[in-house]
Amino acid sequence: MAFWTSPAGTLAILVIGWLIIRGIKRLFRKHWPAQLNTWDLMTPLLIVGSLILIPAGAGVIIPWLIIGWMVIGIGVTLLQAIHNKELLYSTFFRTFWRLTDLYWTAGFIICFLLVIS
């Protein structure tokens, strides 16, 4: 159990998750939604991976990452409401989730670097 809570175990979880998602995507090639990327499904794993690293020393930055994630949600909402004069769920969620992908990838890298340093 100690391996899965270590930084190497967290990376193993991400790699295994990536391989499973890619395998499912390849298996359901014709029925897989065209606009759904593998990274879109990796975001929950990146969040969980960041949370697993809390006892190892990443607990200092996690609250700030969550606050930043909320600010991204508020910012996307305001920008789409001001720019488009309306807020459509499909465009909001797609934009928010793609920014979330980038944000949590960077957040996990920061947490991982804090733990191994």
C-alpha atoms as a PDB file:
ATOM      1  CA  MET A   1       0.000   0.000   0.000  1.00  0.00           C
ATOM      2  CA  ALA A   2       2.900   2.353   0.627  1.00  0.00           C
ATOM      3  CA  PHE A   3       3.940   2.186  -3.031  1.00  0.00           C
ATOM      4  CA  TRP A   4       0.630   3.617  -4.283  1.00  0.00           C
ATOM      5  CA  THR A   5       0.905   6.641  -1.985  1.00  0.00           C
ATOM      6  CA  SER A   6       4.474   7.412  -3.026  1.00  0.00           C
ATOM      7  CA  PRO A   7       5.361   9.719  -5.941  1.00  0.00           C
ATOM      8  CA  ALA A   8       6.329   6.715  -8.090  1.00  0.00           C
ATOM      9  CA  GLY A   9       3.006   5.038  -7.294  1.00  0.00           C
ATOM     10  CA  THR A  10       1.131   8.180  -8.262  1.00  0.00           C
ATOM     11  CA  LEU A  11       2.912   8.233 -11.602  1.00  0.00           C
ATOM     12  CA  ALA A  12       2.097   4.534 -12.008  1.00  0.00           C
ATOM     13  CA  ILE A  13      -1.589   5.295 -11.381  1.00  0.00           C
ATOM     14  CA  LEU A  14      -1.509   7.979 -14.070  1.00  0.00           C
ATOM     15  CA  VAL A  15       0.233   5.724 -16.590  1.00  0.00           C
ATOM     16  CA  ILE A  16      -2.143   2.823 -15.899  1.00  0.00           C
ATOM     17  CA  GLY A  17      -5.111   5.191 -16.185  1.00  0.00           C
ATOM     18  CA  TRP A  18      -3.775   6.560 -19.475  1.00  0.00           C
ATOM     19  CA  LEU A  19      -3.342   3.034 -20.865  1.00  0.00           C
ATOM     20  CA  ILE A  20      -6.826   1.960 -19.775  1.00  0.00           C
ATOM     21  CA  ILE A  21      -8.451   5.038 -21.306  1.00  0.00           C
ATOM     22  CA  ARG A  22      -6.507   4.587 -24.558  1.00  0.00           C
ATOM     23  CA  GLY A  23      -7.475   0.906 -24.648  1.00  0.00           C
ATOM     24  CA  ILE A  24     -11.153   1.684 -24.145  1.00  0.00           C
ATOM     25  CA  LYS A  25     -10.949   4.399 -26.783  1.00  0.00           C
ATOM     26  CA  ARG A  26      -9.383   1.952 -29.239  1.00  0.00           C
ATOM     27  CA  LEU A  27     -11.944  -0.740 -28.369  1.00  0.00           C
ATOM     28  CA  PHE A  28     -14.921   1.588 -28.901  1.00  0.00           C
ATOM     29  CA  ARG A  29     -13.381   3.376 -31.882  1.00  0.00           C
ATOM     30  CA  LYS A  30     -16.629   3.769 -33.842  1.00  0.00           C
ATOM     31  CA  HIS A  31     -18.744   4.623 -30.804  1.00  0.00           C
ATOM     32  CA  TRP A  32     -16.265   6.985 -29.133  1.00  0.00           C
ATOM     33  CA  PRO A  33     -17.348  10.652 -29.221  1.00  0.00           C
ATOM     34  CA  ALA A  34     -15.131  12.575 -31.640  1.00  0.00           C
ATOM     35  CA  GLN A  35     -14.811  15.633 -29.401  1.00  0.00           C
ATOM     36  CA  LEU A  36     -13.713  13.618 -26.338  1.00  0.00           C
ATOM     37  CA  ASN A  37      -9.938  13.462 -25.864  1.00  0.00           C
ATOM     38  CA  THR A  38      -7.970  11.159 -23.618  1.00  0.00           C
ATOM     39  CA  TRP A  39      -6.827  14.188 -21.606  1.00  0.00           C
ATOM     40  CA  ASP A  40     -10.442  15.054 -20.860  1.00  0.00           C
ATOM     41  CA  LEU A  41     -10.718  11.810 -18.911  1.00  0.00           C
ATOM     42  CA  MET A  42      -7.288  12.149 -17.302  1.00  0.00           C
ATOM     43  CA  THR A  43      -8.236  15.244 -15.307  1.00  0.00           C
ATOM     44  CA  PRO A  44      -9.953  13.326 -12.464  1.00  0.00           C
ATOM     45  CA  LEU A  45      -6.882  11.102 -12.222  1.00  0.00           C
ATOM     46  CA  LEU A  46      -4.625  14.173 -12.035  1.00  0.00           C
ATOM     47  CA  ILE A  47      -6.787  15.612  -9.247  1.00  0.00           C
ATOM     48  CA  VAL A  48      -6.721  12.332  -7.321  1.00  0.00           C
ATOM     49  CA  GLY A  49      -2.979  12.035  -7.945  1.00  0.00           C
ATOM     50  CA  SER A  50      -2.457  15.491  -6.493  1.00  0.00           C
ATOM     51  CA  LEU A  51      -4.557  14.584  -3.460  1.00  0.00           C
ATOM     52  CA  ILE A  52      -2.596  11.369  -2.914  1.00  0.00           C
ATOM     53  CA  LEU A  53       0.574  13.476  -2.644  1.00  0.00           C
ATOM     54  CA  ILE A  54      -0.813  15.551   0.269  1.00  0.00           C
ATOM     55  CA  PRO A  55       0.805  13.490   3.067  1.00  0.00           C
ATOM     56  CA  ALA A  56       4.128  13.507   1.212  1.00  0.00           C
ATOM     57  CA  GLY A  57       4.341  17.313   1.262  1.00  0.00           C
ATOM     58  CA  ALA A  58       1.989  18.676  -1.390  1.00  0.00           C
ATOM     59  CA  GLY A  59      -0.641  19.698   1.159  1.00  0.00           C
ATOM     60  CA  VAL A  60       0.662  23.243   1.227  1.00  0.00           C
ATOM     61  CA  ILE A  61      -0.293  23.991  -2.374  1.00  0.00           C
ATOM     62  CA  ILE A  62      -3.537  21.984  -2.759  1.00  0.00           C
ATOM     63  CA  PRO A  63      -5.860  24.634  -1.232  1.00  0.00           C
ATOM     64  CA  TRP A  64      -4.381  27.244  -3.573  1.00  0.00           C
ATOM     65  CA  LEU A  65      -4.887  24.952  -6.547  1.00  0.00           C
ATOM     66  CA  ILE A  66      -8.539  24.449  -5.644  1.00  0.00           C
ATOM     67  CA  ILE A  67      -9.065  28.191  -5.183  1.00  0.00           C
ATOM     68  CA  GLY A  68      -7.430  28.790  -8.574  1.00  0.00           C
ATOM     69  CA  TRP A  69      -9.725  26.184 -10.124  1.00  0.00           C
ATOM     70  CA  MET A  70     -12.738  28.055  -8.733  1.00  0.00           C
ATOM     71  CA  VAL A  71     -11.383  31.327 -10.135  1.00  0.00           C
ATOM     72  CA  ILE A  72     -11.066  29.675 -13.557  1.00  0.00           C
ATOM     73  CA  GLY A  73     -14.730  28.643 -13.364  1.00  0.00           C
ATOM     74  CA  ILE A  74     -15.842  32.132 -12.400  1.00  0.00           C
ATOM     75  CA  GLY A  75     -13.611  33.688 -15.067  1.00  0.00           C
ATOM     76  CA  VAL A  76     -14.908  31.434 -17.839  1.00  0.00           C
ATOM     77  CA  THR A  77     -18.477  32.157 -16.766  1.00  0.00           C
ATOM     78  CA  LEU A  78     -17.960  35.906 -16.793  1.00  0.00           C
ATOM     79  CA  LEU A  79     -16.006  35.953 -20.052  1.00  0.00           C
ATOM     80  CA  GLN A  80     -18.596  33.896 -21.899  1.00  0.00           C
ATOM     81  CA  ALA A  81     -21.485  35.889 -20.450  1.00  0.00           C
ATOM     82  CA  ILE A  82     -19.873  39.202 -21.429  1.00  0.00           C
ATOM     83  CA  HIS A  83     -18.469  38.112 -24.792  1.00  0.00           C
ATOM     84  CA  ASN A  84     -21.390  36.005 -26.066  1.00  0.00           C
ATOM     85  CA  LYS A  85     -24.161  37.839 -24.179  1.00  0.00           C
ATOM     86  CA  GLU A  86     -25.388  34.400 -23.102  1.00  0.00           C
ATOM     87  CA  LEU A  87     -24.107  31.392 -21.232  1.00  0.00           C
ATOM     88  CA  LEU A  88     -24.640  28.086 -22.986  1.00  0.00           C
ATOM     89  CA  TYR A  89     -23.881  25.007 -20.941  1.00  0.00           C
ATOM     90  CA  SER A  90     -22.187  23.087 -23.743  1.00  0.00           C
ATOM     91  CA  THR A  91     -19.725  25.839 -24.667  1.00  0.00           C
ATOM     92  CA  PHE A  92     -19.124  26.759 -21.025  1.00  0.00           C
ATOM     93  CA  PHE A  93     -18.435  23.198 -19.953  1.00  0.00           C
ATOM     94  CA  ARG A  94     -16.163  22.442 -22.919  1.00  0.00           C
ATOM     95  CA  THR A  95     -14.105  25.608 -22.358  1.00  0.00           C
ATOM     96  CA  PHE A  96     -13.996  25.134 -18.589  1.00  0.00           C
ATOM     97  CA  TRP A  97     -13.003  21.475 -18.842  1.00  0.00           C
ATOM     98  CA  ARG A  98     -10.238  22.108 -21.394  1.00  0.00           C
ATOM     99  CA  LEU A  99      -8.785  24.832 -19.156  1.00  0.00           C
ATOM    100  CA  THR A 100      -9.164  22.432 -16.230  1.00  0.00           C
ATOM    101  CA  ASP A 101      -7.107  19.852 -18.149  1.00  0.00           C
ATOM    102  CA  LEU A 102      -4.246  22.296 -18.531  1.00  0.00           C
ATOM    103  CA  TYR A 103      -4.579  23.676 -15.011  1.00  0.00           C
ATOM    104  CA  TRP A 104      -4.530  20.311 -13.218  1.00  0.00           C
ATOM    105  CA  THR A 105      -1.713  19.008 -15.384  1.00  0.00           C
ATOM    106  CA  ALA A 106       0.378  21.973 -14.268  1.00  0.00           C
ATOM    107  CA  GLY A 107      -0.944  21.587 -10.705  1.00  0.00           C
ATOM    108  CA  PHE A 108       0.040  17.923 -10.557  1.00  0.00           C
ATOM    109  CA  ILE A 109       3.504  18.728 -11.893  1.00  0.00           C
ATOM    110  CA  ILE A 110       3.932  21.384  -9.201  1.00  0.00           C
ATOM    111  CA  CYS A 111       2.739  18.987  -6.468  1.00  0.00           C
ATOM    112  CA  PHE A 112       5.027  16.254  -7.771  1.00  0.00           C
ATOM    113  CA  LEU A 113       8.026  18.597  -7.840  1.00  0.00           C
ATOM    114  CA  LEU A 114       7.267  19.754  -4.287  1.00  0.00           C
ATOM    115  CA  VAL A 115       7.202  16.162  -3.090  1.00  0.00           C
ATOM    116  CA  ILE A 116      10.387  14.998  -4.777  1.00  0.00           C
ATOM    117  CA  SER A 117      12.400  18.103  -3.884  1.00  0.00           C
END
